[in-house]
Amino acid sequence: MVFYEDKNFQGRSYECSSDCTDMTSYLSRCQSCRVENGCFMVYDRNDYMGNQYFIRRGDYPDYMRNFGMSDCIKSCHMIPMYRGNYRMRIYERENFGGQMHEMMDDCDSIMDRYRMSDCQSCNVMDGHWLMYEQNHFRGRMMYMRPGECKNFSSSIGMGAMRFMSMKCIMDSWY
């Protein structure tokens, strides 16, 4: 992936093929990029914090317009390719409280599928997932890899986060 300081692939550039916790050590700002292969999460704060955006192969000439970002990219995380089964337990409340359901595929509405009002914690057993704040894979998102997350809000350094839809990151996206 190549990051550029200015919109439309202008200004200084920085080529990145792995995780980067602080883009400002390479560029004063980052407002466009080209993804040559793979999938990445980009963040509007250092250390993989703040709002997250999923990007895959393609050109992104203007982050502000494409994603509605309020600031430029400050860090990025490469999502490893995964081929296998997908499995995640979602919980209605923080710290694995309330209703629990096990998922093995995309869910565009936890309310419609499980009659669950929201999801505030999870345990990803297999695969890589995108969690969305609204139904039908819309709104703010969060990348989840195998492991437990007891409280979404504290994991990303933002206010209260609840998720209503989830999507598996498939190898066909790469």
C-alpha atoms as a PDB file:
ATOM      1  CA  MET A   1       0.000   0.000   0.000  1.00  0.00           C
ATOM      2  CA  VAL A   2       1.276   3.468  -0.840  1.00  0.00           C
ATOM      3  CA  PHE A   3       0.166   6.462   1.244  1.00  0.00           C
ATOM      4  CA  TYR A   4       0.280  10.045  -0.048  1.00  0.00           C
ATOM      5  CA  GLU A   5       0.306  13.300   1.900  1.00  0.00           C
ATOM      6  CA  ASP A   6      -2.262  14.997  -0.319  1.00  0.00           C
ATOM      7  CA  LYS A   7      -5.460  14.098  -2.125  1.00  0.00           C
ATOM      8  CA  ASN A   8      -5.307  12.487  -5.577  1.00  0.00           C
ATOM      9  CA  PHE A   9      -1.961  10.734  -4.904  1.00  0.00           C
ATOM     10  CA  GLN A  10      -0.016  13.989  -4.664  1.00  0.00           C
ATOM     11  CA  GLY A  11       2.808  15.045  -2.358  1.00  0.00           C
ATOM     12  CA  ARG A  12       5.318  12.864  -0.573  1.00  0.00           C
ATOM     13  CA  SER A  13       4.574   9.142  -0.383  1.00  0.00           C
ATOM     14  CA  TYR A  14       5.276   6.234   1.941  1.00  0.00           C
ATOM     15  CA  GLU A  15       5.085   2.566   0.929  1.00  0.00           C
ATOM     16  CA  CYS A  16       3.829   0.217   3.638  1.00  0.00           C
ATOM     17  CA  SER A  17       3.472  -3.568   3.564  1.00  0.00           C
ATOM     18  CA  SER A  18       2.774  -4.209   7.253  1.00  0.00           C
ATOM     19  CA  ASP A  19       1.331  -2.564  10.360  1.00  0.00           C
ATOM     20  CA  CYS A  20       2.176   1.063  11.147  1.00  0.00           C
ATOM     21  CA  THR A  21       1.292   2.580  14.540  1.00  0.00           C
ATOM     22  CA  ASP A  22       2.196   6.174  13.643  1.00  0.00           C
ATOM     23  CA  MET A  23       2.054   7.469  10.061  1.00  0.00           C
ATOM     24  CA  THR A  24       3.232  10.925  11.175  1.00  0.00           C
ATOM     25  CA  SER A  25       6.768   9.580  11.525  1.00  0.00           C
ATOM     26  CA  TYR A  26       6.783   9.155   7.712  1.00  0.00           C
ATOM     27  CA  LEU A  27       4.338  11.794   6.429  1.00  0.00           C
ATOM     28  CA  SER A  28       3.019  15.035   7.925  1.00  0.00           C
ATOM     29  CA  ARG A  29      -0.489  13.961   6.904  1.00  0.00           C
ATOM     30  CA  CYS A  30      -2.039  11.214   4.815  1.00  0.00           C
ATOM     31  CA  GLN A  31      -5.039  11.957   2.615  1.00  0.00           C
ATOM     32  CA  SER A  32      -4.945   9.375  -0.195  1.00  0.00           C
ATOM     33  CA  CYS A  33      -3.593   5.880  -0.889  1.00  0.00           C
ATOM     34  CA  ARG A  34      -3.329   3.029  -3.374  1.00  0.00           C
ATOM     35  CA  VAL A  35      -3.743  -0.537  -2.175  1.00  0.00           C
ATOM     36  CA  GLU A  36      -1.904  -2.847  -4.564  1.00  0.00           C
ATOM     37  CA  ASN A  37      -2.915  -6.051  -2.783  1.00  0.00           C
ATOM     38  CA  GLY A  38      -4.307  -7.214   0.527  1.00  0.00           C
ATOM     39  CA  CYS A  39      -6.767  -5.717   2.974  1.00  0.00           C
ATOM     40  CA  PHE A  40      -6.086  -3.096   5.646  1.00  0.00           C
ATOM     41  CA  MET A  41      -7.835  -1.241   8.427  1.00  0.00           C
ATOM     42  CA  VAL A  42      -6.885   2.428   8.586  1.00  0.00           C
ATOM     43  CA  TYR A  43      -7.424   4.578  11.679  1.00  0.00           C
ATOM     44  CA  ASP A  44      -7.797   8.308  12.265  1.00  0.00           C
ATOM     45  CA  ARG A  45      -5.660   8.143  15.448  1.00  0.00           C
ATOM     46  CA  ASN A  46      -2.247   6.676  16.270  1.00  0.00           C
ATOM     47  CA  ASP A  47      -1.876   3.181  17.748  1.00  0.00           C
ATOM     48  CA  TYR A  48      -4.904   1.725  15.933  1.00  0.00           C
ATOM     49  CA  MET A  49      -7.341   3.926  17.832  1.00  0.00           C
ATOM     50  CA  GLY A  50     -10.309   6.058  16.814  1.00  0.00           C
ATOM     51  CA  ASN A  51     -12.541   5.557  13.811  1.00  0.00           C
ATOM     52  CA  GLN A  52     -11.643   2.567  11.643  1.00  0.00           C
ATOM     53  CA  TYR A  53     -12.106   2.092   7.905  1.00  0.00           C
ATOM     54  CA  PHE A  54     -11.687  -1.078   5.857  1.00  0.00           C
ATOM     55  CA  ILE A  55      -9.827  -0.752   2.567  1.00  0.00           C
ATOM     56  CA  ARG A  56      -8.831  -3.332  -0.026  1.00  0.00           C
ATOM     57  CA  ARG A  57      -7.208  -3.357  -3.451  1.00  0.00           C
ATOM     58  CA  GLY A  58      -8.007  -0.130  -5.232  1.00  0.00           C
ATOM     59  CA  ASP A  59      -7.407   3.605  -5.374  1.00  0.00           C
ATOM     60  CA  TYR A  60      -8.558   5.961  -2.617  1.00  0.00           C
ATOM     61  CA  PRO A  61      -7.910   9.497  -3.922  1.00  0.00           C
ATOM     62  CA  ASP A  62      -9.749  11.388  -1.135  1.00  0.00           C
ATOM     63  CA  TYR A  63     -10.384   9.828   2.288  1.00  0.00           C
ATOM     64  CA  MET A  64     -12.533  12.685   3.503  1.00  0.00           C
ATOM     65  CA  ARG A  65     -15.039  12.229   0.687  1.00  0.00           C
ATOM     66  CA  ASN A  66     -14.801   8.415   0.406  1.00  0.00           C
ATOM     67  CA  PHE A  67     -15.276   7.605   4.095  1.00  0.00           C
ATOM     68  CA  GLY A  68     -16.472  10.804   5.724  1.00  0.00           C
ATOM     69  CA  MET A  69     -13.290  10.967   7.777  1.00  0.00           C
ATOM     70  CA  SER A  70     -12.873  14.049   9.918  1.00  0.00           C
ATOM     71  CA  ASP A  71      -9.088  13.760   9.886  1.00  0.00           C
ATOM     72  CA  CYS A  72      -6.337  12.051   7.942  1.00  0.00           C
ATOM     73  CA  ILE A  73      -5.056   8.495   8.432  1.00  0.00           C
ATOM     74  CA  LYS A  74      -2.701   8.150  11.417  1.00  0.00           C
ATOM     75  CA  SER A  75      -2.148   4.359  11.618  1.00  0.00           C
ATOM     76  CA  CYS A  76      -2.880   1.169   9.661  1.00  0.00           C
ATOM     77  CA  HIS A  77      -3.136  -2.547  10.319  1.00  0.00           C
ATOM     78  CA  MET A  78      -2.703  -5.236   7.658  1.00  0.00           C
ATOM     79  CA  ILE A  79      -5.415  -7.907   7.798  1.00  0.00           C
ATOM     80  CA  PRO A  80      -3.892 -11.352   7.192  1.00  0.00           C
ATOM     81  CA  MET A  81      -5.502 -13.571   4.572  1.00  0.00           C
ATOM     82  CA  TYR A  82      -7.606 -16.289   6.180  1.00  0.00           C
ATOM     83  CA  ARG A  83      -9.055 -19.429   4.620  1.00  0.00           C
ATOM     84  CA  GLY A  84     -11.102 -21.522   6.973  1.00  0.00           C
ATOM     85  CA  ASN A  85     -14.238 -21.563   9.058  1.00  0.00           C
ATOM     86  CA  TYR A  86     -15.671 -18.463  10.692  1.00  0.00           C
ATOM     87  CA  ARG A  87     -17.007 -18.569  14.234  1.00  0.00           C
ATOM     88  CA  MET A  88     -17.805 -15.837  16.738  1.00  0.00           C
ATOM     89  CA  ARG A  89     -19.929 -15.548  19.862  1.00  0.00           C
ATOM     90  CA  ILE A  90     -21.682 -12.232  20.300  1.00  0.00           C
ATOM     91  CA  TYR A  91     -23.062 -10.939  23.595  1.00  0.00           C
ATOM     92  CA  GLU A  92     -25.763  -8.392  24.237  1.00  0.00           C
ATOM     93  CA  ARG A  93     -23.877  -6.611  27.026  1.00  0.00           C
ATOM     94  CA  GLU A  94     -20.307  -5.819  28.078  1.00  0.00           C
ATOM     95  CA  ASN A  95     -18.215  -8.512  29.790  1.00  0.00           C
ATOM     96  CA  PHE A  96     -20.065 -11.310  27.965  1.00  0.00           C
ATOM     97  CA  GLY A  97     -23.393 -10.513  29.639  1.00  0.00           C
ATOM     98  CA  GLY A  98     -26.961 -10.913  28.408  1.00  0.00           C
ATOM     99  CA  GLN A  99     -27.991 -13.014  25.446  1.00  0.00           C
ATOM    100  CA  MET A 100     -25.286 -14.968  23.606  1.00  0.00           C
ATOM    101  CA  HIS A 101     -25.423 -16.260  20.045  1.00  0.00           C
ATOM    102  CA  GLU A 102     -22.839 -18.076  17.979  1.00  0.00           C
ATOM    103  CA  MET A 103     -22.347 -16.886  14.401  1.00  0.00           C
ATOM    104  CA  MET A 104     -20.669 -18.625  11.482  1.00  0.00           C
ATOM    105  CA  ASP A 105     -21.572 -16.247   8.655  1.00  0.00           C
ATOM    106  CA  ASP A 106     -22.552 -12.646   7.862  1.00  0.00           C
ATOM    107  CA  CYS A 107     -25.458 -11.140   9.753  1.00  0.00           C
ATOM    108  CA  ASP A 108     -27.031  -7.948   8.404  1.00  0.00           C
ATOM    109  CA  SER A 109     -29.225  -7.449  11.481  1.00  0.00           C
ATOM    110  CA  ILE A 110     -28.824  -9.081  14.888  1.00  0.00           C
ATOM    111  CA  MET A 111     -32.296  -7.769  15.774  1.00  0.00           C
ATOM    112  CA  ASP A 112     -33.919  -9.592  12.852  1.00  0.00           C
ATOM    113  CA  ARG A 113     -31.898 -12.788  13.210  1.00  0.00           C
ATOM    114  CA  TYR A 114     -31.579 -13.150  16.997  1.00  0.00           C
ATOM    115  CA  ARG A 115     -34.032 -10.597  18.469  1.00  0.00           C
ATOM    116  CA  MET A 116     -31.015  -9.013  20.127  1.00  0.00           C
ATOM    117  CA  SER A 117     -31.105  -5.237  20.700  1.00  0.00           C
ATOM    118  CA  ASP A 118     -27.344  -4.723  20.349  1.00  0.00           C
ATOM    119  CA  CYS A 119     -23.933  -6.339  20.736  1.00  0.00           C
ATOM    120  CA  GLN A 120     -21.420  -4.928  23.245  1.00  0.00           C
ATOM    121  CA  SER A 121     -18.852  -7.770  23.565  1.00  0.00           C
ATOM    122  CA  CYS A 122     -17.708 -10.821  21.615  1.00  0.00           C
ATOM    123  CA  ASN A 123     -15.352 -13.778  21.414  1.00  0.00           C
ATOM    124  CA  VAL A 124     -13.940 -14.462  17.943  1.00  0.00           C
ATOM    125  CA  MET A 125     -12.911 -18.101  17.747  1.00  0.00           C
ATOM    126  CA  ASP A 126     -12.163 -18.343  14.013  1.00  0.00           C
ATOM    127  CA  GLY A 127     -11.651 -15.888  11.172  1.00  0.00           C
ATOM    128  CA  HIS A 128     -11.509 -12.125  10.834  1.00  0.00           C
ATOM    129  CA  TRP A 129     -14.667 -10.014  11.060  1.00  0.00           C
ATOM    130  CA  LEU A 130     -15.965  -6.492  10.532  1.00  0.00           C
ATOM    131  CA  MET A 131     -18.513  -5.283  13.072  1.00  0.00           C
ATOM    132  CA  TYR A 132     -20.849  -2.443  12.028  1.00  0.00           C
ATOM    133  CA  GLU A 133     -22.643   0.072  14.212  1.00  0.00           C
ATOM    134  CA  GLN A 134     -25.851  -0.092  12.144  1.00  0.00           C
ATOM    135  CA  ASN A 135     -27.878  -2.766  10.384  1.00  0.00           C
ATOM    136  CA  HIS A 136     -27.012  -3.762   6.809  1.00  0.00           C
ATOM    137  CA  PHE A 137     -23.254  -3.189   7.247  1.00  0.00           C
ATOM    138  CA  ARG A 138     -23.462   0.595   7.670  1.00  0.00           C
ATOM    139  CA  GLY A 139     -22.034   3.158  10.075  1.00  0.00           C
ATOM    140  CA  ARG A 140     -18.803   3.063  12.036  1.00  0.00           C
ATOM    141  CA  MET A 141     -16.969  -0.239  11.912  1.00  0.00           C
ATOM    142  CA  MET A 142     -14.493  -2.235  13.963  1.00  0.00           C
ATOM    143  CA  TYR A 143     -12.090  -4.971  12.907  1.00  0.00           C
ATOM    144  CA  MET A 144     -12.125  -8.109  15.058  1.00  0.00           C
ATOM    145  CA  ARG A 145      -9.543 -10.914  14.964  1.00  0.00           C
ATOM    146  CA  PRO A 146      -9.488 -14.103  17.051  1.00  0.00           C
ATOM    147  CA  GLY A 147      -9.699 -13.335  20.764  1.00  0.00           C
ATOM    148  CA  GLU A 148     -12.031 -11.854  23.350  1.00  0.00           C
ATOM    149  CA  CYS A 149     -13.334  -8.314  23.487  1.00  0.00           C
ATOM    150  CA  LYS A 150     -15.147  -7.566  26.759  1.00  0.00           C
ATOM    151  CA  ASN A 151     -15.943  -3.943  25.971  1.00  0.00           C
ATOM    152  CA  PHE A 152     -15.882  -2.422  22.481  1.00  0.00           C
ATOM    153  CA  SER A 153     -15.716   1.178  23.730  1.00  0.00           C
ATOM    154  CA  SER A 154     -12.489   0.720  25.689  1.00  0.00           C
ATOM    155  CA  SER A 155     -10.907  -1.352  22.888  1.00  0.00           C
ATOM    156  CA  ILE A 156     -10.869   1.501  20.395  1.00  0.00           C
ATOM    157  CA  GLY A 157     -10.721   4.541  22.648  1.00  0.00           C
ATOM    158  CA  MET A 158     -14.074   5.970  21.607  1.00  0.00           C
ATOM    159  CA  GLY A 159     -17.407   6.577  23.236  1.00  0.00           C
ATOM    160  CA  ALA A 160     -20.075   3.931  23.659  1.00  0.00           C
ATOM    161  CA  MET A 161     -19.985   1.467  20.775  1.00  0.00           C
ATOM    162  CA  ARG A 162     -22.648  -1.125  20.031  1.00  0.00           C
ATOM    163  CA  PHE A 163     -22.814  -3.228  16.919  1.00  0.00           C
ATOM    164  CA  MET A 164     -25.838  -4.324  14.932  1.00  0.00           C
ATOM    165  CA  SER A 165     -24.361  -6.236  11.941  1.00  0.00           C
ATOM    166  CA  MET A 166     -21.271  -8.359  11.284  1.00  0.00           C
ATOM    167  CA  LYS A 167     -19.440  -9.527   8.158  1.00  0.00           C
ATOM    168  CA  CYS A 168     -16.712 -12.156   7.609  1.00  0.00           C
ATOM    169  CA  ILE A 169     -13.606 -10.863   5.816  1.00  0.00           C
ATOM    170  CA  MET A 170     -13.373 -13.432   3.017  1.00  0.00           C
ATOM    171  CA  ASP A 171     -10.307 -14.359   0.962  1.00  0.00           C
ATOM    172  CA  SER A 172     -12.145 -13.257  -2.201  1.00  0.00           C
ATOM    173  CA  TRP A 173     -11.823  -9.652  -0.921  1.00  0.00           C
ATOM    174  CA  TYR A 174      -8.053  -9.776  -1.383  1.00  0.00           C
END
